[in-house]
Structure formats: C-alpha cells, structure tokens
Protein backbone atom coordinates (compact mmCIF):
# COMPACT_ATOMS: atom_id res chain seq x y z
CA MET A 1 -93.35 -52.19 -2.17
CA LYS A 2 -90.28 -54.47 -0.59
CA ASP A 3 -88.60 -54.02 -4.08
CA LEU A 4 -89.19 -50.12 -4.16
CA ILE A 5 -87.86 -49.64 -0.25
CA THR A 6 -85.08 -51.42 -1.55
CA ARG A 7 -84.66 -49.34 -4.74
CA GLU A 8 -85.32 -45.85 -2.89
CA TYR A 9 -82.18 -44.12 -0.61
CA GLN A 10 -82.95 -40.98 1.45
CA THR A 11 -79.00 -40.64 2.44
CA VAL A 12 -78.32 -37.20 0.28
CA THR A 13 -74.70 -35.66 2.04
CA GLY A 14 -74.13 -32.75 -0.01
CA ILE A 15 -74.95 -31.11 -4.04
CA ALA A 16 -72.09 -29.22 -5.66
CA GLY A 17 -73.25 -27.28 -8.85
CA PRO A 18 -74.77 -30.27 -11.17
CA LEU A 19 -73.82 -33.08 -8.66
CA LEU A 20 -75.52 -34.87 -6.85
CA PHE A 21 -73.57 -37.04 -3.67
CA VAL A 22 -75.50 -39.99 -2.48
CA GLU A 23 -73.72 -42.29 0.97
CA LYS A 24 -74.29 -46.21 0.68
CA LEU A 25 -75.84 -46.65 -2.46
CA LYS A 26 -75.07 -50.33 -2.87
CA LYS A 27 -77.33 -51.73 -5.50
CA ALA A 28 -76.44 -48.84 -7.95
CA SER A 29 -74.37 -49.60 -11.48
CA LEU A 30 -72.35 -47.24 -13.27
CA GLY A 31 -73.60 -45.81 -15.69
CA GLU A 32 -76.87 -46.11 -14.64
CA MET A 33 -80.19 -43.96 -14.47
CA VAL A 34 -81.93 -42.48 -11.60
CA GLU A 35 -84.60 -40.40 -10.77
CA ILE A 36 -84.67 -37.48 -7.87
CA LEU A 37 -87.65 -36.97 -5.75
CA LEU A 38 -87.68 -33.56 -4.62
CA ALA A 39 -89.82 -32.96 -0.95
CA THR A 40 -91.97 -31.04 -2.91
CA GLY A 41 -92.79 -34.11 -5.15
CA GLU A 42 -91.12 -33.13 -8.38
CA SER A 43 -89.16 -35.26 -9.75
CA ARG A 44 -85.52 -34.90 -11.48
CA ARG A 45 -83.60 -36.88 -13.74
CA GLY A 46 -79.84 -38.35 -13.06
CA GLN A 47 -77.09 -40.63 -14.18
CA VAL A 48 -74.38 -42.20 -11.70
CA ILE A 49 -71.28 -40.84 -12.83
CA GLU A 50 -68.80 -42.71 -9.79
CA LEU A 51 -69.50 -45.40 -7.77
CA SER A 52 -67.39 -46.89 -4.78
CA GLU A 53 -68.23 -48.63 -1.51
CA GLN A 54 -69.56 -45.39 0.67
CA HIS A 55 -70.08 -42.70 -1.28
CA THR A 56 -72.01 -42.23 -5.31
CA VAL A 57 -71.52 -39.44 -7.33
CA ILE A 58 -75.18 -38.54 -9.61
CA GLN A 59 -75.19 -36.33 -12.15
CA VAL A 60 -78.27 -34.28 -11.81
CA LEU A 61 -79.51 -33.53 -16.09
CA GLU A 62 -82.03 -31.19 -15.27
CA GLU A 63 -82.45 -27.85 -13.30
CA THR A 64 -80.78 -28.27 -9.66
CA THR A 65 -83.13 -25.18 -8.47
CA GLY A 66 -84.73 -26.55 -5.44
CA LEU A 67 -82.92 -29.94 -4.46
CA GLY A 68 -81.83 -30.16 -1.24
CA VAL A 69 -79.68 -31.76 0.94
CA THR A 70 -83.03 -32.85 3.20
CA GLY A 71 -85.73 -34.98 1.79
CA THR A 72 -84.68 -35.16 -1.30
CA ARG A 73 -84.57 -39.66 -2.38
CA VAL A 74 -82.89 -41.18 -4.94
CA ARG A 75 -84.28 -44.05 -6.99
CA LEU A 76 -82.88 -46.33 -8.71
CA THR A 77 -84.47 -47.01 -12.32
CA GLU A 78 -81.89 -50.76 -12.70
CA SER A 79 -81.33 -48.91 -16.63
CA ALA A 80 -78.98 -47.07 -19.31
CA ALA A 81 -79.87 -43.91 -20.51
CA MET A 82 -81.59 -45.06 -22.90
CA MET A 83 -83.39 -43.44 -27.23
CA ASP A 84 -87.20 -44.32 -28.38
CA LEU A 85 -86.04 -45.12 -32.29
CA SER A 86 -88.75 -45.45 -35.40
CA PRO A 87 -88.77 -44.74 -38.34
CA ASP A 88 -90.48 -41.43 -37.09
CA LEU A 89 -87.25 -39.61 -35.76
CA LEU A 90 -87.10 -38.10 -39.33
CA GLY A 91 -88.68 -34.68 -39.11
CA ARG A 92 -88.76 -33.91 -35.66
CA ARG A 93 -87.22 -31.67 -33.76
CA PHE A 94 -85.77 -32.18 -30.04
CA ASN A 95 -84.43 -30.77 -27.21
CA GLY A 96 -80.79 -31.67 -26.33
CA ALA A 97 -82.09 -34.71 -23.99
CA ALA A 98 -84.48 -36.36 -27.03
CA VAL A 99 -87.66 -34.85 -25.57
CA PRO A 100 -90.02 -33.12 -28.79
CA ILE A 101 -89.92 -29.37 -28.98
CA ASP A 102 -91.96 -29.74 -31.77
CA GLY A 103 -95.11 -29.94 -30.46
CA LEU A 104 -96.14 -33.58 -31.79
CA PRO A 105 -96.33 -36.71 -29.50
CA PRO A 106 -93.29 -38.37 -28.13
CA ILE A 107 -92.06 -41.31 -30.69
CA ILE A 108 -93.73 -44.56 -30.46
CA PRO A 109 -90.66 -46.71 -30.36
CA ASP A 110 -90.10 -49.71 -32.65
CA THR A 111 -87.24 -50.36 -31.11
CA ARG A 112 -84.94 -48.42 -27.70
CA MET A 113 -81.06 -48.23 -27.95
CA ASP A 114 -78.48 -47.52 -25.26
CA ILE A 115 -76.92 -43.79 -26.16
CA ILE A 116 -73.79 -44.71 -25.04
CA GLY A 117 -73.13 -46.47 -28.20
CA GLN A 118 -72.00 -49.66 -29.06
CA PRO A 119 -68.28 -50.43 -29.50
CA MET A 120 -67.83 -50.88 -33.47
CA ASN A 121 -65.53 -54.22 -33.96
CA PRO A 122 -62.68 -52.56 -35.84
CA VAL A 123 -63.12 -55.74 -37.91
CA ALA A 124 -65.74 -55.68 -39.07
CA ARG A 125 -64.93 -51.42 -40.56
CA ASP A 126 -65.67 -50.54 -43.99
CA LYS A 127 -63.39 -48.83 -45.83
CA PRO A 128 -64.71 -44.82 -46.00
CA SER A 129 -65.55 -44.56 -49.76
CA TYR A 130 -67.52 -42.31 -52.10
CA PHE A 131 -68.27 -39.04 -51.32
CA ILE A 132 -71.02 -36.56 -49.92
CA GLN A 133 -70.74 -33.97 -52.01
CA THR A 134 -71.66 -30.55 -49.92
CA GLY A 135 -71.84 -28.37 -53.61
CA ILE A 136 -69.12 -26.58 -52.18
CA SER A 137 -66.06 -25.94 -54.67
CA THR A 138 -63.28 -25.78 -51.79
CA ILE A 139 -64.49 -28.74 -49.74
CA ASP A 140 -65.38 -31.26 -53.10
CA GLY A 141 -62.38 -30.03 -55.34
CA LEU A 142 -59.80 -29.86 -52.99
CA ASN A 143 -60.86 -31.94 -49.71
CA THR A 144 -62.89 -34.36 -50.15
CA LEU A 145 -65.63 -35.25 -47.94
CA VAL A 146 -66.23 -39.28 -47.48
CA ARG A 147 -68.54 -40.99 -46.85
CA GLY A 148 -67.70 -42.79 -42.95
CA GLN A 149 -65.21 -40.05 -42.59
CA LYS A 150 -65.33 -37.47 -39.40
CA LEU A 151 -64.07 -34.08 -40.75
CA PRO A 152 -64.28 -31.47 -38.91
CA ILE A 153 -64.46 -27.75 -39.65
CA PHE A 154 -61.87 -25.46 -37.59
CA SER A 155 -63.66 -22.14 -37.33
CA GLY A 156 -63.06 -18.80 -35.01
CA ALA A 157 -65.34 -16.61 -32.94
CA GLY A 158 -67.28 -13.94 -35.80
CA LEU A 159 -66.44 -16.35 -38.57
CA PRO A 160 -69.51 -17.94 -40.80
CA ALA A 161 -69.38 -21.11 -39.25
CA LYS A 162 -73.28 -21.57 -38.84
CA GLU A 163 -73.71 -19.82 -42.37
CA LEU A 164 -70.86 -22.83 -43.59
CA ALA A 165 -73.10 -25.19 -41.70
CA ALA A 166 -76.20 -24.02 -43.31
CA GLN A 167 -75.47 -24.47 -46.58
CA ILE A 168 -73.98 -27.41 -46.25
CA LEU A 169 -77.39 -28.78 -44.79
CA ARG A 170 -79.06 -27.20 -48.12
CA GLN A 171 -76.38 -29.04 -50.04
CA ALA A 172 -75.23 -32.01 -48.99
CA MET A 173 -76.67 -35.34 -51.27
CA VAL A 174 -75.02 -38.89 -52.17
CA ARG A 175 -74.61 -38.98 -55.90
CA GLU A 176 -75.57 -42.34 -55.91
CA GLU A 177 -79.03 -41.64 -55.47
CA HIS A 178 -79.68 -38.33 -57.26
CA GLY A 179 -82.59 -38.09 -58.86
CA THR A 180 -84.01 -40.62 -57.45
CA GLY A 181 -85.73 -38.47 -54.22
CA GLN A 182 -82.64 -39.47 -52.00
CA GLN A 183 -84.24 -41.72 -50.10
CA ALA A 184 -81.02 -43.28 -48.34
CA PHE A 185 -79.80 -39.80 -47.59
CA ALA A 186 -80.58 -38.07 -44.05
CA ILE A 187 -78.87 -35.19 -41.54
CA VAL A 188 -79.23 -35.59 -38.51
CA PHE A 189 -77.83 -32.16 -36.45
CA ALA A 190 -77.09 -31.39 -32.95
CA ALA A 191 -76.36 -27.82 -31.30
CA MET A 192 -74.92 -27.48 -28.05
CA GLY A 193 -75.06 -24.13 -26.02
CA ILE A 194 -76.42 -22.07 -29.47
CA THR A 195 -78.67 -18.87 -28.98
CA PHE A 196 -82.36 -19.13 -29.26
CA ARG A 197 -81.89 -16.71 -32.24
CA GLU A 198 -79.28 -18.79 -33.48
CA ALA A 199 -82.03 -21.94 -33.40
CA SER A 200 -84.39 -19.86 -35.24
CA PHE A 201 -81.55 -19.76 -37.49
CA PHE A 202 -80.86 -23.53 -38.44
CA LEU A 203 -84.84 -24.17 -38.27
CA GLY A 204 -85.14 -21.67 -41.34
CA GLU A 205 -82.73 -22.84 -42.90
CA PHE A 206 -83.78 -26.36 -42.89
CA GLU A 207 -87.35 -25.10 -43.72
CA ARG A 208 -85.62 -22.82 -46.87
CA GLY A 209 -83.41 -25.65 -47.87
CA GLY A 210 -86.44 -28.58 -48.01
CA VAL A 211 -84.48 -30.78 -45.84
CA MET A 212 -86.71 -30.63 -42.81
CA GLU A 213 -88.07 -34.32 -43.97
CA HIS A 214 -85.38 -36.48 -43.76
CA ALA A 215 -83.62 -34.46 -41.02
CA VAL A 216 -83.35 -34.72 -36.58
CA VAL A 217 -82.58 -32.05 -35.46
CA PHE A 218 -81.58 -31.84 -31.45
CA LEU A 219 -80.97 -28.61 -29.90
CA ASN A 220 -79.39 -27.31 -26.69
CA LEU A 221 -80.05 -23.83 -26.13
CA ALA A 222 -77.62 -21.72 -23.87
CA ASP A 223 -80.22 -20.92 -21.19
CA ASP A 224 -80.75 -24.80 -21.33
CA PRO A 225 -79.02 -27.01 -18.20
CA THR A 226 -75.14 -27.48 -19.02
CA ILE A 227 -74.93 -31.02 -18.25
CA GLU A 228 -77.51 -31.49 -20.93
CA ARG A 229 -75.44 -30.59 -22.96
CA LEU A 230 -72.68 -33.44 -22.79
CA LEU A 231 -76.27 -36.05 -23.57
CA THR A 232 -76.91 -34.17 -26.74
CA PRO A 233 -74.09 -35.31 -29.00
CA ARG A 234 -74.64 -38.75 -27.57
CA TYR A 235 -79.07 -38.71 -28.50
CA ALA A 236 -77.89 -37.45 -31.70
CA LEU A 237 -75.57 -40.12 -32.83
CA THR A 238 -77.82 -42.36 -31.49
CA ALA A 239 -80.47 -41.47 -34.02
CA ALA A 240 -77.70 -40.96 -36.49
CA GLU A 241 -76.76 -45.64 -35.62
CA TYR A 242 -79.85 -46.13 -36.18
CA LEU A 243 -80.96 -44.59 -39.27
CA ALA A 244 -77.38 -45.81 -40.25
CA PHE A 245 -77.27 -49.35 -39.36
CA THR A 246 -80.80 -50.32 -38.52
CA LEU A 247 -82.33 -48.31 -41.38
CA GLY A 248 -79.73 -48.77 -44.51
CA ARG A 249 -79.76 -44.92 -44.93
CA HIS A 250 -76.41 -42.45 -45.65
CA VAL A 251 -76.27 -39.97 -42.72
CA LEU A 252 -73.93 -36.94 -41.92
CA VAL A 253 -74.47 -35.76 -39.23
CA ILE A 254 -73.53 -32.11 -38.19
CA LEU A 255 -72.71 -31.34 -34.36
CA THR A 256 -71.82 -27.54 -33.17
CA ASP A 257 -70.35 -26.42 -31.07
CA MET A 258 -67.96 -28.68 -29.71
CA ALA A 259 -66.47 -25.94 -28.36
CA ALA A 260 -69.73 -25.84 -25.86
CA TYR A 261 -69.09 -28.80 -25.25
CA CYS A 262 -65.58 -28.91 -23.64
CA GLU A 263 -66.50 -26.35 -21.82
CA ALA A 264 -69.31 -28.34 -20.22
CA LEU A 265 -67.23 -31.26 -19.84
CA ARG A 266 -64.65 -28.64 -17.88
CA GLN A 267 -67.44 -27.46 -15.65
CA ILE A 268 -68.88 -30.78 -14.61
CA ALA A 269 -64.74 -31.86 -14.29
CA THR A 270 -64.32 -28.51 -11.78
CA ALA A 271 -67.36 -29.40 -10.07
CA ARG A 272 -66.35 -32.92 -9.32
CA GLU A 273 -62.55 -31.47 -7.98
CA GLU A 274 -61.03 -33.90 -10.75
CA ILE A 275 -57.14 -32.55 -11.05
CA PRO A 276 -57.29 -30.36 -14.49
CA GLY A 277 -54.81 -30.97 -17.34
CA ARG A 278 -54.32 -28.40 -20.39
CA ARG A 279 -55.76 -25.31 -19.68
CA GLY A 280 -57.94 -26.48 -17.10
CA TYR A 281 -59.67 -29.33 -19.09
CA PRO A 282 -60.20 -32.60 -17.63
CA GLY A 283 -57.02 -35.15 -18.36
CA TYR A 284 -59.58 -37.73 -20.10
CA MET A 285 -61.36 -34.96 -22.75
CA TYR A 286 -59.31 -36.75 -25.40
CA SER A 287 -61.02 -40.62 -25.02
CA ASP A 288 -64.51 -38.93 -24.06
CA LEU A 289 -63.90 -36.74 -27.42
CA ALA A 290 -63.11 -40.00 -29.19
CA SER A 291 -66.43 -41.91 -27.97
CA ILE A 292 -68.11 -38.85 -29.95
CA TYR A 293 -65.72 -38.83 -33.06
CA GLU A 294 -65.55 -42.87 -33.88
CA ARG A 295 -69.19 -43.59 -33.78
CA ALA A 296 -68.78 -42.19 -37.48
CA GLY A 297 -67.96 -45.30 -40.02
CA ARG A 298 -69.06 -47.97 -42.48
CA ILE A 299 -69.28 -51.56 -40.93
CA LYS A 300 -69.11 -54.26 -43.19
CA GLY A 301 -72.42 -55.74 -44.39
CA ARG A 302 -74.55 -53.09 -43.56
CA ALA A 303 -75.78 -50.74 -46.29
CA GLY A 304 -75.51 -47.40 -43.98
CA SER A 305 -72.45 -44.75 -43.40
CA ILE A 306 -72.36 -42.38 -40.75
CA THR A 307 -70.54 -39.26 -41.58
CA GLN A 308 -69.82 -36.80 -38.89
CA LEU A 309 -68.50 -32.65 -39.42
CA PRO A 310 -68.17 -31.30 -36.20
CA ILE A 311 -67.43 -27.25 -35.56
CA VAL A 312 -65.14 -26.81 -33.55
CA THR A 313 -64.55 -22.65 -32.35
CA MET A 314 -60.75 -22.59 -31.62
CA PRO A 315 -60.32 -19.78 -28.46
CA ASP A 316 -58.24 -16.98 -30.08
CA ASP A 317 -58.00 -18.61 -33.10
CA ASP A 318 -55.10 -20.66 -32.02
CA ILE A 319 -55.27 -23.84 -33.69
CA THR A 320 -52.86 -25.43 -30.85
CA HIS A 321 -55.40 -25.02 -28.36
CA PRO A 322 -56.86 -28.13 -26.69
CA ILE A 323 -59.98 -28.54 -27.94
CA PRO A 324 -58.98 -28.74 -31.91
CA ASP A 325 -55.22 -30.06 -30.75
CA LEU A 326 -56.94 -33.06 -29.55
CA THR A 327 -59.73 -33.48 -32.25
CA GLY A 328 -57.55 -33.44 -34.97
CA TYR A 329 -55.64 -36.50 -33.83
CA ILE A 330 -59.19 -38.05 -33.77
CA THR A 331 -60.71 -36.75 -36.77
CA GLU A 332 -59.27 -37.72 -39.99
CA GLY A 333 -58.51 -33.80 -41.50
CA GLN A 334 -59.80 -30.71 -40.99
CA ILE A 335 -61.61 -27.25 -42.68
CA VAL A 336 -59.96 -24.18 -41.59
CA LEU A 337 -62.08 -21.23 -41.96
CA SER A 338 -59.90 -17.53 -42.52
CA ARG A 339 -60.23 -14.21 -40.65
CA GLU A 340 -58.39 -13.13 -43.65
CA LEU A 341 -60.74 -13.96 -46.03
CA HIS A 342 -63.23 -13.45 -44.39
CA ARG A 343 -62.23 -9.85 -44.00
CA LYS A 344 -61.99 -9.55 -47.62
CA GLY A 345 -66.26 -10.76 -47.93
CA ILE A 346 -64.79 -13.83 -49.52
CA PHE A 347 -67.26 -16.83 -48.56
CA PRO A 348 -66.98 -19.44 -47.30
CA PRO A 349 -63.57 -18.01 -45.73
CA ILE A 350 -61.97 -21.62 -46.61
CA ASP A 351 -58.05 -21.21 -45.96
CA VAL A 352 -57.32 -24.11 -48.66
CA LEU A 353 -53.89 -24.67 -47.29
CA PRO A 354 -54.17 -25.51 -43.63
CA CYS A 355 -57.17 -28.05 -45.15
CA LEU A 356 -57.20 -32.07 -45.40
CA SER A 357 -58.84 -34.59 -45.66
CA ARG A 358 -56.85 -37.53 -45.24
CA LEU A 359 -59.46 -40.43 -46.67
CA MET A 360 -60.20 -37.87 -49.97
CA ASN A 361 -58.28 -40.79 -52.29
CA LEU A 362 -61.00 -43.37 -51.25
CA GLY A 363 -63.66 -41.73 -51.96
CA ILE A 364 -62.56 -39.79 -55.70
CA GLY A 365 -61.98 -40.68 -59.05
CA PRO A 366 -63.42 -43.65 -61.97
CA GLY A 367 -66.30 -44.32 -60.91
CA LYS A 368 -67.02 -41.82 -57.96
CA THR A 369 -65.82 -38.66 -59.56
CA ARG A 370 -64.06 -37.88 -62.43
CA ASP A 371 -60.69 -39.54 -63.99
CA ASP A 372 -59.21 -35.87 -63.26
CA HIS A 373 -59.99 -34.93 -59.85
CA ARG A 374 -57.21 -35.95 -57.28
CA ALA A 375 -54.75 -34.34 -60.43
CA VAL A 376 -56.43 -30.47 -60.67
CA ALA A 377 -56.72 -30.65 -56.07
CA ASP A 378 -52.70 -31.25 -56.44
CA GLN A 379 -52.00 -29.32 -59.09
CA LEU A 380 -54.39 -26.19 -57.70
CA TYR A 381 -52.92 -26.53 -53.97
CA ALA A 382 -49.16 -25.72 -55.81
CA PHE A 383 -50.25 -23.63 -57.48
CA TYR A 384 -52.00 -21.17 -55.34
CA ALA A 385 -49.33 -22.47 -52.53
CA HIS A 386 -46.52 -20.62 -54.69
CA GLY A 387 -49.01 -17.70 -55.75
CA ARG A 388 -49.75 -17.03 -51.98
CA ASP A 389 -45.52 -16.99 -51.63
CA ILE A 390 -45.17 -14.42 -54.56
CA ARG A 391 -47.48 -12.17 -52.62
CA ARG A 392 -45.56 -11.70 -49.99
CA LEU A 393 -42.72 -11.62 -51.61
CA ALA A 394 -44.82 -8.78 -53.64
CA ALA A 395 -45.67 -6.99 -50.24
CA ILE A 396 -41.90 -7.21 -50.29
CA VAL A 397 -40.05 -5.68 -53.51
CA GLY A 398 -43.75 -4.70 -55.02
CA GLU A 399 -45.10 -5.87 -58.45
CA ASP A 400 -42.28 -4.23 -60.71
CA GLY A 401 -40.11 -5.92 -59.10
CA LEU A 402 -42.10 -9.92 -60.19
CA ASN A 403 -40.92 -11.69 -63.86
CA ASP A 404 -44.06 -12.69 -65.76
CA SER A 405 -44.55 -16.06 -64.24
CA ASP A 406 -44.32 -14.74 -60.98
CA LYS A 407 -47.42 -12.00 -62.16
CA ARG A 408 -49.26 -15.19 -63.69
CA PHE A 409 -49.13 -17.01 -60.48
CA LEU A 410 -49.76 -13.64 -58.11
CA LYS A 411 -52.99 -13.17 -60.23
CA LEU A 412 -53.92 -16.97 -60.31
CA ALA A 413 -53.71 -16.27 -56.56
CA GLN A 414 -56.03 -13.64 -55.93
CA ASP A 415 -58.36 -14.77 -58.96
CA PHE A 416 -58.38 -18.46 -57.26
CA GLU A 417 -59.58 -16.53 -53.85
CA GLN A 418 -62.36 -14.29 -55.63
CA GLU A 419 -63.94 -16.94 -57.69
CA PHE A 420 -63.17 -20.29 -56.54
CA VAL A 421 -63.15 -19.91 -52.67
CA ASN A 422 -65.71 -17.30 -52.68
CA GLN A 423 -68.64 -18.49 -54.40
CA GLY A 424 -71.14 -17.60 -51.92
CA ALA A 425 -74.55 -19.32 -51.51
CA HIS A 426 -74.23 -21.20 -55.34
CA ASN A 427 -74.30 -24.55 -55.25
CA ARG A 428 -71.87 -26.33 -57.27
CA GLU A 429 -71.64 -29.84 -58.89
CA ILE A 430 -68.41 -31.40 -58.91
CA GLU A 431 -67.85 -31.47 -62.33
CA GLU A 432 -68.30 -27.57 -62.22
CA THR A 433 -66.01 -27.41 -59.83
CA LEU A 434 -63.35 -28.93 -61.80
CA ASN A 435 -64.10 -27.27 -64.39
CA LEU A 436 -63.75 -23.99 -63.02
CA GLY A 437 -60.27 -25.70 -61.52
CA TRP A 438 -58.88 -26.01 -65.21
CA GLN A 439 -59.54 -22.25 -65.53
CA PHE A 440 -56.98 -21.42 -63.63
CA LEU A 441 -54.79 -24.08 -64.79
CA ARG A 442 -54.71 -22.89 -68.25
CA TYR A 443 -53.28 -19.43 -66.47
CA LEU A 444 -49.71 -21.23 -67.03
CA PRO A 445 -47.90 -22.73 -70.22
CA LYS A 446 -48.68 -26.68 -69.82
CA GLU A 447 -45.32 -27.41 -69.12
CA GLN A 448 -45.68 -26.05 -65.41
CA LEU A 449 -48.32 -28.63 -65.38
CA THR A 450 -46.28 -31.17 -63.12
CA ARG A 451 -48.55 -32.90 -61.07
CA VAL A 452 -51.51 -33.60 -64.16
CA LYS A 453 -50.41 -36.67 -66.60
CA PRO A 454 -50.02 -35.40 -70.62
CA GLU A 455 -52.88 -37.63 -71.50
CA LEU A 456 -55.30 -35.48 -68.98
CA ILE A 457 -53.58 -32.25 -70.15
CA GLU A 458 -54.63 -32.99 -73.64
CA ARG A 459 -58.24 -33.86 -72.73
CA TYR A 460 -59.32 -31.09 -70.52
CA TYR A 461 -56.62 -28.32 -70.87
CA GLY A 462 -57.87 -27.28 -74.28
CA ALA A 463 -61.33 -28.29 -73.87
C-alpha cells in the first residue's frame, strides 16, 4: 500500500488543452506513461513530456473531457509507451493508439517494444538495394523506389494523393518474391487526421486489392484526439520494425498525411507556450520528423527492410513550406503531383521534372532490372524536359514557327504525358515500362540518343 501511495499524486495545478500540469512529481521520468484517475472513477492515459524539480507536464493521450484540477490523481507506471507485437499483427486494424478496431481481441504478445524505437547504428546500416515495384511507370521507370529508402509524395489540396497511395498499396511487390506468394512482403499503413469517408475508401481498397492478409492498418480519424496523431506513426513504425527485423519481411510503410501530423505538433507546442519557429511550427520539428523518417532502412545481417512512402500535402502547393521543405532535407528524393496534369485528366498526375530518387542507382541495372534502365530514364527525362521548353516557345511563336525537330519534341512531350504518365489504374511491370520508354525514344533519330550506349541502341531501338 505504501508503494502505491508513493506512485500516486494529487498535485494537479492546471490544464491547458491536452496538457496536464503537476507539481512535485519527484519519481517520474521523461517519457514515462502515467494513468490519470478522474474523480468519477474513469481513467485516461498520459505521458510525461517535460520534467523539472518542481513542475511536470503530462501529455493526455485521450479525450480531456471531464478532467479537472480538483479530484484528479496521477499514477506513475514506471514504464515507457510499449506495443504488444506478434505475427498476428498482419491482417489487423487499429486506431491511432494501437487499440484494435476490427472487432477482434487484442494481440497476445510474443514481445513488447518501446514505440520510440531504438536508434539504428549508422555502422550497422546496410545500403538500400533492389527496387520495390509499384506498377506505376513514372516511379518505377524514372524515380525508382528502393528497399530501405524514404521517398515522400508531395501533393496539394484536392489532388488524388489518396488514390495514388491506394494504387501503390494494391500493386506494390518485391520482385524476388513474385511467384512465391510474396511471403516476405508486408504493408504498414498509417493514416492521421483523415475523415471516416477516407478511412472507408482505404479499407475498401485493401479488400479489393486482396492485400489485407499481409497488411497492418492504423487509423487516426479527424474526430479522434489530436494528440493521438503524434503516436500513430510511432506505433506503425514499431510494428514495421518488428515485421522487418524480427520476422525478416520487406515492409512498405505509407504515412498519410504528414501535414496533419505537423499541425498536431504545432497545436501541442502552442499549448505548451513554446517559442514558435517558421510559420508557427516548433523549432524542433526537423528533429521530430527525422525521428520518424530515419526509422527506414536495412540492417546488416538482417533479412528484412523498412521502406517509407510518406504523403505530404503542401499548403497552397508551396514546396518551400516548412513541412515539405524539412521533409525534403531528411528524405532521399520526392515524388511531386502536378495540378496542371490533374486538370488535364491525367492519372497519376506525377510531374516528372521536379521528382527525384537519390537512391535509384542502387536498385536498378543488371541483376535487379534491365541493363538499359538508367539510360532510358536519363534520355526520357532529357527529351521530355526539352519538349516542355518547346511547348512554352510554341505558346509564344505558334507551332508554325517551329522546325521539324522541335515539332517532334513537342509531340513527344504531349504523347509522353498522355500515354506514359497517364496510365490510370493499369499495373505495369518494369519491362512494360521500359519497352514503352523505348517507343518514345524512337520519336527521335538514333543520333540524338546521346545518353544511351551504342550497344543498347542496337539492341532495343529497332526492337
């Protein structure tokens, strides 16, 4: 009884939004989980986020309705936020705090892990290698996603980012496991601040694509507690680390929408009365995002890998906004959606020119994809960029003012958008993507293929 008394405190001095201020919480530790006991007999979960000799700040992880200064007690648990893990995770749906919402019982754990994760030793990191086929030509062919990479998708309000994410969820596969049931592949999907309608859309896509059996879903809805959004990606990545580094699976993690996560971070920082940084976001947002994104990767001697596809909605389509800007610093490239292509009815409306995959070279080439992959990507990019320049020129002088070569580039740019980029829901194997790329390279004479080796031209140009 004495031990219980030393772990319970009734010294709550104030409440501000999702924060509880407590005095003389001497035996607490930073990051410790606490139980908040209301006068009505109800209880809520919380976490210690700030600690000093006199004052402690506790982040309430559930609704704060009913909390009051009088009669509220805080009970220390002497443990960090942990997650129950077992192979039975696959095929399950959870809310943003890892509570089952699929009508099935809680996970019977084989192990429990801290949701903050363990820092990955840089020496133990292995190079990302081998690509994950998404079935989308503009990604697989020109901005290849590599196992262990973090490659964000930059979108804008109203652009079909969720449809693109759903298509990737249905089609993504590890080529080496193709034909063996993809036993080593898994998907972890975490949604933050989405509507019930969007949640129903994603769940329907999982069922339609038949991928639910090797997927784990975490859903934080718009009417769920804001603070829960800060935990959702951490629970999702803890599940991914278990699947990857304990069970040896190749895990694709899709996080949507990181803008909602950052808004929650800003709200909590405001409630804590912290000095704001750029556009009101906390100054530590960079390191906070890094603590999420850097959990992608491979470990030497381990069979599994974690690959991240975070989706970021850019406010006002501004790629220099702090959220996409900081995300770009941490991650290894970006996929950018175009409002102009979307207006033309092109899906997926991926703008090739500002896109980049910095680790593409590690996942393509002989033994991984075809030996012409890099050359096709470089030459297509150069031709399409020149075709876009000619399009701007034609808007000034008119098509009649162009020479024959310029007209070929103009037609290439138009057809490239309508046929290569605009693939709809079609799932393209990498061979189909590269063969289609060669069709566009044949728009120009062989002599203009300056980025392709002669032996590759001889092998593929006339095929």
